[in-house]
Amino acid sequence: MTVTSFSAHLFQDRRSIHEFLASCRTIAIDKEHAQVVSLSLEIPQLDALAVLSLLQQPDRPYFYWEKQSQGTAIAATEPLLHLQVDGAQRFTQAQHFICTSLVDTVSAGALHLPFAGPHFFCSFTFFDQTHREARLFPGASVFLPRWQIACDQDQAVLVANAIVDAETPLEKLAREIWQRWQLLQTPRRCPSPRSQPTNFAYPLLANSDAFTTAVADTLEHIEAEKLQKLVLAHTLDVKTPQPLDLCHALGTLRARYPECYVFAVSNGQGQNFIGASPERLIELRDRHLVTDALAGSAPRGHSRADDEALGHQLLNSKKDGHEHRVVLDFIRDSLWELGITPQVASLPHLLQLPNIQHLRTLITAEVPQHLHLLEILAALHPTPAVAGMPREIAQAQIHRHEPFERHLYAAPLGWIDHQGNGEFTVGIRSALINGFQARLYAGAGIVAGSDPQRELAEIQLKLHTLLDALM
């Protein structure tokens, strides 16, 4: 990637933007190859969710990401470059797409700001191949947006990306970027979401007997030492009297779950996948990696004493401790195989959310310069936290027991920037929104000592909590 000498303070009017674009056209002519132009412009602090609501178009994919506890949010709209592939090589193809796209990219502007410069937004389905008749999302989707708005604490940036060649109408392009920048000079906020749950009758789970039967069958496989762990998911289908208000739903999720990754991904064909995930799959910044081993769950208590007792019970549970160690060992072994030396940065501790608490262990490492984030992602997905162990047998059992497609459920969602930094979460505590219909997903990890009715209760807790936030 080329970084030009144009500084952020030079872009004060449409003429200066036009001059920058003209210099990029000269580069394209000299190289006899179109250039991707990425211009980062500082904007006042704003609400990225409100901007998404303003800019996103129903027929164009978008990507939204926020972690309110960190004060970070990104909205990306209108793919400029877009890769959609299926198959076992999807992570490799995504890596190649990002690297080759950056070869002919020119960046300028406020590159010192967080989230400045070109970013690629990625979503992967749980399985590398989906039955064609059920395919709503490709096995891998990676795009560089035309417009990216990002916030980090009290700083905000607009990243405008464009393709410039000898024929590009520069005056029109400069005017579009200038107008978009001016539009974002006025701070915007979403309406305040509901802070308290509503009171309504929860719909009953369909096929709950089939789920408990699947758990019992899994326990037999575990006893026969064919499996160590299997994560079984369940769905809840609901219909709404009117299409779901995504801005309202995402606003409610981020208000109730500030420690979670709140996300939304659209396929540009009417389907939206949204959720609030507590699980960080991988974070890579300046070659420093952080990942979470997150497995083992318990409800929150109705009183402080009850809550403390449930947390203590979870920390000392033999069953949940075993489930957690399976995930922890898998992550460490996978990193070792890549030539990465993992460090366990914490003892198992409680990650406490409003409705549920989990066992979490942090793992850190320094990543060699030659390793790309997507190579690590390919080795980690799917972890035993969302699939099971052994991984191949667990995936076969998921196909056998789950009568629905997972699509993006329990799969990696995140971003990668032009420097190779990035962050991915796992698409759990999530829902597929399709007009007047919503399919909610939740899963439970089955290990030796699991009880079918207790696992069903955990599923119901996760689904009903998500349903209340969305409705």
Protein backbone atom coordinates (compact mmCIF):
# COMPACT_ATOMS: atom_id res chain seq x y z
CA MET A 1 0.00 0.00 0.00
CA THR A 2 1.17 3.51 -0.82
CA VAL A 3 0.81 6.31 1.71
CA THR A 4 0.87 9.75 0.05
CA SER A 5 2.30 12.96 1.47
CA PHE A 6 -1.13 14.59 1.71
CA SER A 7 -1.70 15.38 5.39
CA ALA A 8 -5.05 15.44 7.15
CA HIS A 9 -5.10 19.23 7.62
CA LEU A 10 -4.81 19.79 3.84
CA PHE A 11 -8.28 18.36 3.17
CA GLN A 12 -10.33 21.41 4.08
CA ASP A 13 -12.38 21.85 0.93
CA ARG A 14 -13.56 20.06 -2.18
CA ARG A 15 -10.68 21.46 -4.23
CA SER A 16 -8.02 19.85 -2.02
CA ILE A 17 -9.82 16.51 -2.26
CA HIS A 18 -9.92 16.91 -6.04
CA GLU A 19 -6.17 17.58 -6.11
CA PHE A 20 -5.51 14.43 -4.11
CA LEU A 21 -7.68 12.35 -6.43
CA ALA A 22 -5.86 13.84 -9.43
CA SER A 23 -2.52 12.71 -7.97
CA CYS A 24 -3.98 9.22 -7.58
CA ARG A 25 -5.11 9.23 -11.19
CA THR A 26 -1.54 10.06 -12.20
CA ILE A 27 -0.32 7.03 -10.25
CA ALA A 28 -2.95 4.85 -11.97
CA ILE A 29 -1.88 6.11 -15.41
CA ASP A 30 1.83 5.58 -14.65
CA LYS A 31 1.18 2.03 -13.37
CA GLU A 32 -1.39 1.35 -16.10
CA HIS A 33 -3.60 -0.06 -13.36
CA ALA A 34 -6.58 1.35 -11.44
CA GLN A 35 -5.85 2.40 -7.87
CA VAL A 36 -7.95 1.96 -4.76
CA VAL A 37 -7.97 5.34 -3.06
CA SER A 38 -8.58 5.53 0.69
CA LEU A 39 -9.09 8.94 2.26
CA SER A 40 -9.45 9.27 6.07
CA LEU A 41 -11.15 12.44 7.31
CA GLU A 42 -11.70 13.39 10.95
CA ILE A 43 -15.33 14.04 11.92
CA PRO A 44 -17.05 15.07 15.16
CA GLN A 45 -17.91 12.34 17.64
CA LEU A 46 -21.15 10.68 16.61
CA ASP A 47 -23.22 7.53 16.99
CA ALA A 48 -22.11 5.00 14.38
CA LEU A 49 -25.42 3.18 14.72
CA ALA A 50 -27.34 6.33 13.83
CA VAL A 51 -25.06 6.81 10.81
CA LEU A 52 -25.67 3.22 9.73
CA SER A 53 -29.41 3.85 9.90
CA LEU A 54 -28.90 6.95 7.75
CA LEU A 55 -26.57 5.47 5.11
CA GLN A 56 -27.34 1.76 4.73
CA GLN A 57 -29.33 0.68 1.67
CA PRO A 58 -31.56 -2.43 1.70
CA ASP A 59 -30.00 -3.86 -1.47
CA ARG A 60 -26.37 -3.40 -0.35
CA PRO A 61 -24.48 -5.46 2.22
CA TYR A 62 -23.32 -3.66 5.34
CA PHE A 63 -21.38 -4.47 8.49
CA TYR A 64 -21.86 -3.05 11.98
CA TRP A 65 -19.68 -3.66 15.05
CA GLU A 66 -19.72 -2.12 18.50
CA LYS A 67 -18.35 -2.80 21.97
CA GLN A 68 -19.77 -0.09 24.17
CA SER A 69 -17.59 -0.85 27.18
CA GLN A 70 -14.54 0.01 25.04
CA GLY A 71 -16.19 2.99 23.36
CA THR A 72 -15.59 1.55 19.88
CA ALA A 73 -18.02 1.24 16.97
CA ILE A 74 -17.75 0.80 13.20
CA ALA A 75 -20.33 1.05 10.43
CA ALA A 76 -19.35 0.00 6.90
CA THR A 77 -21.65 0.35 3.87
CA GLU A 78 -21.64 -0.14 0.08
CA PRO A 79 -18.98 -2.70 -0.84
CA LEU A 80 -16.41 -1.28 -3.25
CA LEU A 81 -14.41 -4.52 -3.57
CA HIS A 82 -16.19 -7.73 -2.61
CA LEU A 83 -15.15 -11.38 -2.41
CA GLN A 84 -17.72 -14.16 -1.91
CA VAL A 85 -16.48 -17.77 -1.93
CA ASP A 86 -17.30 -21.19 -0.54
CA GLY A 87 -15.17 -24.21 0.21
CA ALA A 88 -12.30 -25.42 2.33
CA GLN A 89 -9.88 -22.75 1.01
CA ARG A 90 -12.09 -19.80 1.92
CA PHE A 91 -9.76 -18.37 4.60
CA THR A 92 -6.77 -18.61 2.25
CA GLN A 93 -8.75 -16.98 -0.56
CA ALA A 94 -9.89 -14.21 1.77
CA GLN A 95 -6.29 -13.55 2.83
CA HIS A 96 -5.15 -13.42 -0.82
CA PHE A 97 -7.99 -11.03 -1.69
CA ILE A 98 -7.05 -8.61 1.10
CA CYS A 99 -3.32 -8.69 0.37
CA THR A 100 -3.69 -8.22 -3.40
CA SER A 101 -6.26 -5.44 -2.94
CA LEU A 102 -3.78 -3.48 -0.82
CA VAL A 103 -1.02 -3.67 -3.44
CA ASP A 104 -2.72 -1.00 -5.55
CA THR A 105 -4.11 1.11 -2.71
CA VAL A 106 -3.20 4.73 -2.00
CA SER A 107 -4.01 6.11 1.46
CA ALA A 108 -3.93 9.63 2.84
CA GLY A 109 -5.52 11.86 5.43
CA ALA A 110 -5.90 11.47 9.18
CA LEU A 111 -4.14 8.10 9.34
CA HIS A 112 -3.14 8.73 12.96
CA LEU A 113 -6.74 8.25 14.11
CA PRO A 114 -8.00 4.88 15.39
CA PHE A 115 -9.69 2.85 12.63
CA ALA A 116 -8.34 5.15 9.89
CA GLY A 117 -7.22 3.69 6.57
CA PRO A 118 -8.78 0.85 4.60
CA HIS A 119 -10.48 -1.92 6.56
CA PHE A 120 -11.89 -5.20 5.25
CA PHE A 121 -15.05 -6.56 6.86
CA CYS A 122 -15.41 -10.32 7.04
CA SER A 123 -18.09 -12.86 7.79
CA PHE A 124 -17.72 -16.63 7.54
CA THR A 125 -20.42 -19.26 7.83
CA PHE A 126 -20.03 -22.03 10.40
CA PHE A 127 -19.51 -24.70 7.75
CA ASP A 128 -17.43 -24.01 4.65
CA GLN A 129 -20.26 -25.20 2.42
CA THR A 130 -23.99 -24.62 2.69
CA HIS A 131 -26.75 -26.52 0.92
CA ARG A 132 -27.43 -24.37 -2.11
CA GLU A 133 -31.20 -24.26 -1.57
CA ALA A 134 -30.65 -22.89 1.95
CA ARG A 135 -27.75 -20.55 1.13
CA LEU A 136 -28.36 -17.06 2.53
CA PHE A 137 -24.72 -16.14 3.12
CA PRO A 138 -21.59 -17.29 1.26
CA GLY A 139 -18.98 -19.41 3.04
CA ALA A 140 -16.78 -16.30 3.15
CA SER A 141 -17.70 -12.69 2.50
CA VAL A 142 -14.99 -10.01 2.59
CA PHE A 143 -15.52 -6.45 1.44
CA LEU A 144 -13.83 -3.08 1.39
CA PRO A 145 -16.62 -0.52 1.90
CA ARG A 146 -17.11 2.67 0.00
CA TRP A 147 -17.98 4.41 3.27
CA GLN A 148 -16.68 3.54 6.73
CA ILE A 149 -17.51 5.50 9.88
CA ALA A 150 -15.69 4.55 13.07
CA CYS A 151 -15.58 5.86 16.63
CA ASP A 152 -13.06 5.23 19.38
CA GLN A 153 -13.75 7.03 22.66
CA ASP A 154 -13.97 10.73 21.74
CA GLN A 155 -12.48 10.42 18.24
CA ALA A 156 -14.27 9.64 15.00
CA VAL A 157 -13.23 9.16 11.38
CA LEU A 158 -14.82 8.86 7.96
CA VAL A 159 -12.92 6.58 5.59
CA ALA A 160 -13.97 7.12 1.97
CA ASN A 161 -12.74 4.48 -0.49
CA ALA A 162 -12.94 4.73 -4.26
CA ILE A 163 -11.45 3.26 -7.44
CA VAL A 164 -9.57 5.75 -9.59
CA ASP A 165 -8.31 5.19 -13.13
CA ALA A 166 -7.72 7.29 -16.21
CA GLU A 167 -11.47 7.61 -16.90
CA THR A 168 -12.71 8.44 -13.39
CA PRO A 169 -14.80 11.66 -13.24
CA LEU A 170 -12.79 13.30 -10.47
CA GLU A 171 -15.02 16.34 -9.97
CA LYS A 172 -18.06 14.13 -9.31
CA LEU A 173 -16.10 11.87 -6.96
CA ALA A 174 -14.63 14.80 -5.02
CA ARG A 175 -18.10 16.31 -4.66
CA GLU A 176 -19.53 13.01 -3.30
CA ILE A 177 -16.77 12.67 -0.68
CA TRP A 178 -17.07 16.33 0.31
CA GLN A 179 -20.85 16.10 0.67
CA ARG A 180 -20.62 12.97 2.76
CA TRP A 181 -18.03 14.60 5.01
CA GLN A 182 -20.26 17.65 5.44
CA LEU A 183 -23.27 15.47 6.20
CA LEU A 184 -21.38 13.91 9.11
CA GLN A 185 -20.40 17.22 10.71
CA THR A 186 -23.69 17.21 12.65
CA PRO A 187 -23.67 14.79 15.61
CA ARG A 188 -26.33 12.10 15.40
CA ARG A 189 -27.85 9.85 18.04
CA CYS A 190 -30.22 6.91 17.90
CA PRO A 191 -33.42 7.06 19.96
CA SER A 192 -32.99 5.70 23.48
CA PRO A 193 -33.71 1.95 23.59
CA ARG A 194 -35.87 0.15 26.12
CA SER A 195 -33.81 -0.38 29.25
CA GLN A 196 -36.14 -2.85 30.92
CA PRO A 197 -37.57 -6.15 29.63
CA THR A 198 -41.15 -6.15 28.44
CA ASN A 199 -43.73 -8.49 29.91
CA PHE A 200 -45.09 -10.90 27.37
CA ALA A 201 -45.68 -14.62 27.06
CA TYR A 202 -42.62 -16.32 25.62
CA PRO A 203 -43.34 -18.71 22.74
CA LEU A 204 -42.66 -22.35 23.52
CA LEU A 205 -39.64 -24.06 22.00
CA ALA A 206 -40.58 -26.42 19.21
CA ASN A 207 -38.97 -29.88 19.16
CA SER A 208 -37.63 -29.61 22.70
CA ASP A 209 -37.98 -33.40 23.00
CA ALA A 210 -35.77 -33.81 19.94
CA PHE A 211 -33.15 -31.62 21.59
CA THR A 212 -33.08 -33.59 24.85
CA THR A 213 -32.96 -36.82 22.85
CA ALA A 214 -29.95 -35.46 20.94
CA VAL A 215 -28.27 -34.61 24.25
CA ALA A 216 -28.89 -38.15 25.54
CA ASP A 217 -27.48 -39.63 22.32
CA THR A 218 -24.43 -37.38 22.62
CA LEU A 219 -23.84 -38.53 26.20
CA GLU A 220 -23.80 -42.13 24.96
CA HIS A 221 -21.12 -41.20 22.41
CA ILE A 222 -19.12 -39.49 25.15
CA GLU A 223 -19.41 -42.51 27.42
CA ALA A 224 -18.21 -44.69 24.53
CA GLU A 225 -15.24 -42.28 24.19
CA LYS A 226 -16.18 -41.29 20.65
CA LEU A 227 -16.57 -37.65 21.73
CA GLN A 228 -15.24 -35.38 24.45
CA LYS A 229 -17.69 -32.58 23.84
CA LEU A 230 -20.45 -31.55 21.44
CA VAL A 231 -22.16 -28.18 21.16
CA LEU A 232 -25.79 -28.56 20.15
CA ALA A 233 -27.78 -25.54 19.03
CA HIS A 234 -31.50 -24.91 19.08
CA THR A 235 -33.59 -22.29 17.30
CA LEU A 236 -36.69 -20.30 18.11
CA ASP A 237 -38.76 -18.97 15.20
CA VAL A 238 -40.99 -15.95 15.78
CA LYS A 239 -43.15 -13.75 13.57
CA THR A 240 -43.58 -10.04 14.13
CA PRO A 241 -46.54 -7.82 13.13
CA GLN A 242 -44.11 -5.51 11.34
CA PRO A 243 -40.49 -5.75 10.19
CA LEU A 244 -38.00 -5.55 13.03
CA ASP A 245 -36.49 -2.09 13.59
CA LEU A 246 -32.77 -2.94 13.40
CA CYS A 247 -31.61 0.37 14.86
CA HIS A 248 -33.89 -0.12 17.86
CA ALA A 249 -32.87 -3.77 18.31
CA LEU A 250 -29.14 -3.05 18.10
CA GLY A 251 -29.52 -0.05 20.40
CA THR A 252 -31.24 -2.25 22.98
CA LEU A 253 -28.57 -4.95 22.70
CA ARG A 254 -25.69 -2.52 23.19
CA ALA A 255 -27.42 -0.85 26.15
CA ARG A 256 -28.07 -4.14 27.93
CA TYR A 257 -24.82 -5.89 27.02
CA PRO A 258 -22.04 -3.26 26.98
CA GLU A 259 -19.39 -5.96 27.56
CA CYS A 260 -20.48 -7.88 24.46
CA TYR A 261 -19.73 -7.42 20.77
CA VAL A 262 -22.92 -6.10 19.22
CA PHE A 263 -22.95 -6.83 15.50
CA ALA A 264 -25.08 -6.78 12.37
CA VAL A 265 -24.34 -8.21 8.94
CA SER A 266 -26.54 -7.89 5.87
CA ASN A 267 -26.38 -9.93 2.68
CA GLY A 268 -28.03 -7.13 0.68
CA GLN A 269 -30.98 -9.41 -0.14
CA GLY A 270 -33.19 -8.71 2.86
CA GLN A 271 -31.58 -10.97 5.45
CA ASN A 272 -29.78 -9.50 8.47
CA PHE A 273 -27.79 -11.43 11.07
CA ILE A 274 -27.52 -9.59 14.37
CA GLY A 275 -26.53 -10.38 17.94
CA ALA A 276 -24.57 -9.60 21.09
CA SER A 277 -21.70 -12.03 21.53
CA PRO A 278 -19.60 -12.31 24.71
CA GLU A 279 -16.88 -14.30 22.93
CA ARG A 280 -13.71 -12.82 21.45
CA LEU A 281 -12.25 -15.34 19.03
CA ILE A 282 -9.12 -13.35 18.23
CA GLU A 283 -7.73 -9.84 18.60
CA LEU A 284 -4.44 -8.91 16.93
CA ARG A 285 -2.80 -5.50 17.43
CA ASP A 286 0.83 -4.79 16.61
CA ARG A 287 1.50 -8.57 16.49
CA HIS A 288 0.12 -9.04 20.03
CA LEU A 289 -2.65 -11.64 20.12
CA VAL A 290 -5.43 -12.04 22.68
CA THR A 291 -8.05 -14.78 22.59
CA ASP A 292 -10.65 -16.09 25.03
CA ALA A 293 -11.39 -19.58 26.20
CA LEU A 294 -15.08 -19.17 27.03
CA ALA A 295 -17.02 -22.25 28.12
CA GLY A 296 -19.08 -23.26 31.13
CA SER A 297 -22.25 -21.36 32.04
CA ALA A 298 -24.63 -20.65 34.90
CA PRO A 299 -27.58 -18.27 35.38
CA ARG A 300 -27.34 -15.09 37.45
CA GLY A 301 -28.95 -15.02 40.88
CA HIS A 302 -32.00 -12.99 41.90
CA SER A 303 -30.17 -11.66 44.97
CA ARG A 304 -26.55 -10.82 45.68
CA ALA A 305 -26.13 -13.86 47.93
CA ASP A 306 -27.79 -16.14 45.38
CA ASP A 307 -25.62 -14.69 42.59
CA GLU A 308 -22.42 -15.22 44.54
CA ALA A 309 -23.44 -18.79 45.33
CA LEU A 310 -24.12 -19.56 41.66
CA GLY A 311 -20.79 -18.01 40.64
CA HIS A 312 -18.91 -20.01 43.29
CA GLN A 313 -20.69 -23.17 42.14
CA LEU A 314 -19.68 -22.51 38.52
CA LEU A 315 -16.04 -21.89 39.43
CA ASN A 316 -15.93 -25.19 41.31
CA SER A 317 -18.10 -27.28 38.97
CA LYS A 318 -16.34 -30.42 37.80
CA LYS A 319 -18.53 -30.64 34.71
CA ASP A 320 -18.10 -26.98 33.69
CA GLY A 321 -14.39 -27.04 34.54
CA HIS A 322 -13.90 -29.99 32.21
CA GLU A 323 -15.85 -28.26 29.43
CA HIS A 324 -13.70 -25.17 29.89
CA ARG A 325 -10.38 -27.08 29.83
CA VAL A 326 -11.32 -28.78 26.55
CA VAL A 327 -11.60 -25.35 24.92
CA LEU A 328 -8.48 -23.97 26.60
CA ASP A 329 -6.33 -26.94 25.59
CA PHE A 330 -7.56 -26.81 22.01
CA ILE A 331 -6.69 -23.11 21.63
CA ARG A 332 -3.22 -23.56 23.13
CA ASP A 333 -2.48 -26.64 20.99
CA SER A 334 -3.69 -24.88 17.82
CA LEU A 335 -1.43 -21.89 18.47
CA TRP A 336 1.56 -24.14 19.21
CA GLU A 337 1.05 -25.90 15.86
CA LEU A 338 1.29 -22.51 14.11
CA GLY A 339 4.59 -21.73 15.81
CA ILE A 340 3.00 -19.35 18.31
CA THR A 341 3.86 -19.62 22.01
CA PRO A 342 0.65 -19.03 24.00
CA GLN A 343 0.62 -17.63 27.52
CA VAL A 344 -2.30 -18.21 29.85
CA ALA A 345 -2.84 -14.65 31.05
CA SER A 346 -5.44 -15.35 33.72
CA LEU A 347 -6.95 -18.07 35.85
CA PRO A 348 -10.47 -19.18 34.93
CA HIS A 349 -12.72 -16.38 36.14
CA LEU A 350 -16.32 -15.27 35.79
CA LEU A 351 -17.53 -13.20 32.86
CA GLN A 352 -20.81 -11.91 34.25
CA LEU A 353 -23.54 -10.68 31.91
CA PRO A 354 -26.97 -9.46 33.02
CA ASN A 355 -28.63 -12.84 32.55
CA ILE A 356 -25.84 -15.40 32.50
CA GLN A 357 -22.24 -15.94 33.64
CA HIS A 358 -19.43 -17.87 31.98
CA LEU A 359 -16.03 -19.25 32.78
CA ARG A 360 -13.36 -17.32 30.88
CA THR A 361 -9.58 -17.63 30.57
CA LEU A 362 -7.48 -15.11 28.63
CA ILE A 363 -4.68 -16.34 26.36
CA THR A 364 -2.03 -14.02 24.92
CA ALA A 365 0.88 -14.46 22.51
CA GLU A 366 3.29 -12.62 20.27
CA VAL A 367 2.66 -13.51 16.62
CA PRO A 368 5.54 -13.91 14.11
CA GLN A 369 5.56 -11.29 11.36
CA HIS A 370 4.94 -13.83 8.59
CA LEU A 371 1.65 -15.11 10.01
CA HIS A 372 -1.56 -13.46 8.80
CA LEU A 373 -4.54 -13.10 11.12
CA LEU A 374 -6.68 -15.24 8.81
CA GLU A 375 -4.20 -18.13 9.06
CA ILE A 376 -4.72 -18.13 12.81
CA LEU A 377 -8.47 -17.81 12.37
CA ALA A 378 -8.54 -20.81 10.04
CA ALA A 379 -6.73 -22.91 12.65
CA LEU A 380 -9.06 -21.87 15.47
CA HIS A 381 -12.47 -22.11 13.80
CA PRO A 382 -14.50 -23.83 14.99
CA THR A 383 -13.27 -24.08 18.57
CA PRO A 384 -14.78 -26.66 20.96
CA ALA A 385 -16.72 -23.75 22.48
CA VAL A 386 -19.05 -23.79 19.45
CA ALA A 387 -18.47 -27.23 17.87
CA GLY A 388 -16.91 -29.90 20.10
CA MET A 389 -14.02 -32.35 20.22
CA PRO A 390 -12.76 -34.14 18.22
CA ARG A 391 -13.63 -31.39 15.80
CA GLU A 392 -14.41 -33.45 12.68
CA ILE A 393 -16.61 -35.93 14.54
CA ALA A 394 -18.38 -33.09 16.34
CA GLN A 395 -19.18 -31.34 13.05
CA ALA A 396 -20.63 -34.56 11.65
CA GLN A 397 -22.81 -34.92 14.75
CA ILE A 398 -24.01 -31.34 14.39
CA HIS A 399 -25.15 -32.12 10.84
CA ARG A 400 -26.87 -35.24 12.15
CA HIS A 401 -28.77 -33.66 15.03
CA GLU A 402 -29.55 -30.09 13.93
CA PRO A 403 -32.42 -29.89 11.40
CA PHE A 404 -31.51 -26.32 10.36
CA GLU A 405 -28.63 -24.45 8.75
CA ARG A 406 -26.34 -22.55 11.11
CA HIS A 407 -25.40 -19.98 8.45
CA LEU A 408 -23.40 -17.31 10.38
CA TYR A 409 -24.37 -18.66 13.78
CA ALA A 410 -21.29 -19.54 15.92
CA ALA A 411 -18.99 -18.42 13.09
CA PRO A 412 -16.29 -15.71 12.85
CA LEU A 413 -17.31 -12.09 12.22
CA GLY A 414 -14.89 -9.18 12.28
CA TRP A 415 -12.50 -6.82 10.53
CA ILE A 416 -8.90 -6.59 9.33
CA ASP A 417 -7.11 -3.31 8.64
CA HIS A 418 -4.35 -2.39 6.17
CA GLN A 419 -1.65 -3.11 8.77
CA GLY A 420 -2.84 -6.65 9.49
CA ASN A 421 -4.51 -5.77 12.78
CA GLY A 422 -8.00 -7.05 13.39
CA GLU A 423 -10.59 -8.44 15.73
CA PHE A 424 -13.12 -11.25 15.41
CA THR A 425 -15.98 -12.38 17.57
CA VAL A 426 -18.10 -15.53 17.33
CA GLY A 427 -21.69 -15.06 16.12
CA ILE A 428 -23.50 -16.46 19.15
CA ARG A 429 -26.49 -15.01 21.07
CA SER A 430 -27.73 -14.12 17.63
CA ALA A 431 -30.71 -13.99 15.31
CA LEU A 432 -31.39 -14.16 11.59
CA ILE A 433 -33.86 -11.42 10.67
CA ASN A 434 -35.87 -11.85 7.48
CA GLY A 435 -38.66 -9.30 7.12
CA PHE A 436 -41.49 -10.29 9.47
CA GLN A 437 -39.66 -13.40 10.65
CA ALA A 438 -36.79 -13.93 13.06
CA ARG A 439 -34.89 -17.11 13.84
CA LEU A 440 -33.03 -16.99 17.15
CA TYR A 441 -30.05 -19.27 17.84
CA ALA A 442 -28.53 -20.56 21.08
CA GLY A 443 -26.28 -23.48 21.95
CA ALA A 444 -25.17 -25.60 24.88
CA GLY A 445 -21.97 -27.58 25.39
CA ILE A 446 -22.51 -31.26 26.15
CA VAL A 447 -19.81 -33.07 28.13
CA ALA A 448 -19.68 -35.96 30.58
CA GLY A 449 -21.99 -35.06 33.46
CA SER A 450 -24.37 -32.95 31.38
CA ASP A 451 -28.06 -33.27 32.15
CA PRO A 452 -30.50 -33.02 29.19
CA GLN A 453 -33.06 -30.96 31.09
CA ARG A 454 -30.44 -28.58 32.45
CA GLU A 455 -29.01 -28.07 28.96
CA LEU A 456 -32.51 -27.36 27.65
CA ALA A 457 -33.03 -24.82 30.44
CA GLU A 458 -29.77 -23.08 29.46
CA ILE A 459 -30.93 -22.91 25.85
CA GLN A 460 -34.28 -21.44 26.88
CA LEU A 461 -32.59 -18.83 29.06
CA LYS A 462 -30.36 -17.66 26.20
CA LEU A 463 -33.15 -17.63 23.62
CA HIS A 464 -35.72 -15.84 25.74
CA THR A 465 -33.25 -13.19 26.87
CA LEU A 466 -32.33 -12.46 23.25
CA LEU A 467 -35.99 -12.48 22.23
CA ASP A 468 -36.86 -9.90 24.85
CA ALA A 469 -34.08 -7.58 23.72
CA LEU A 470 -35.17 -7.83 20.07
CA MET A 471 -38.89 -7.50 20.59
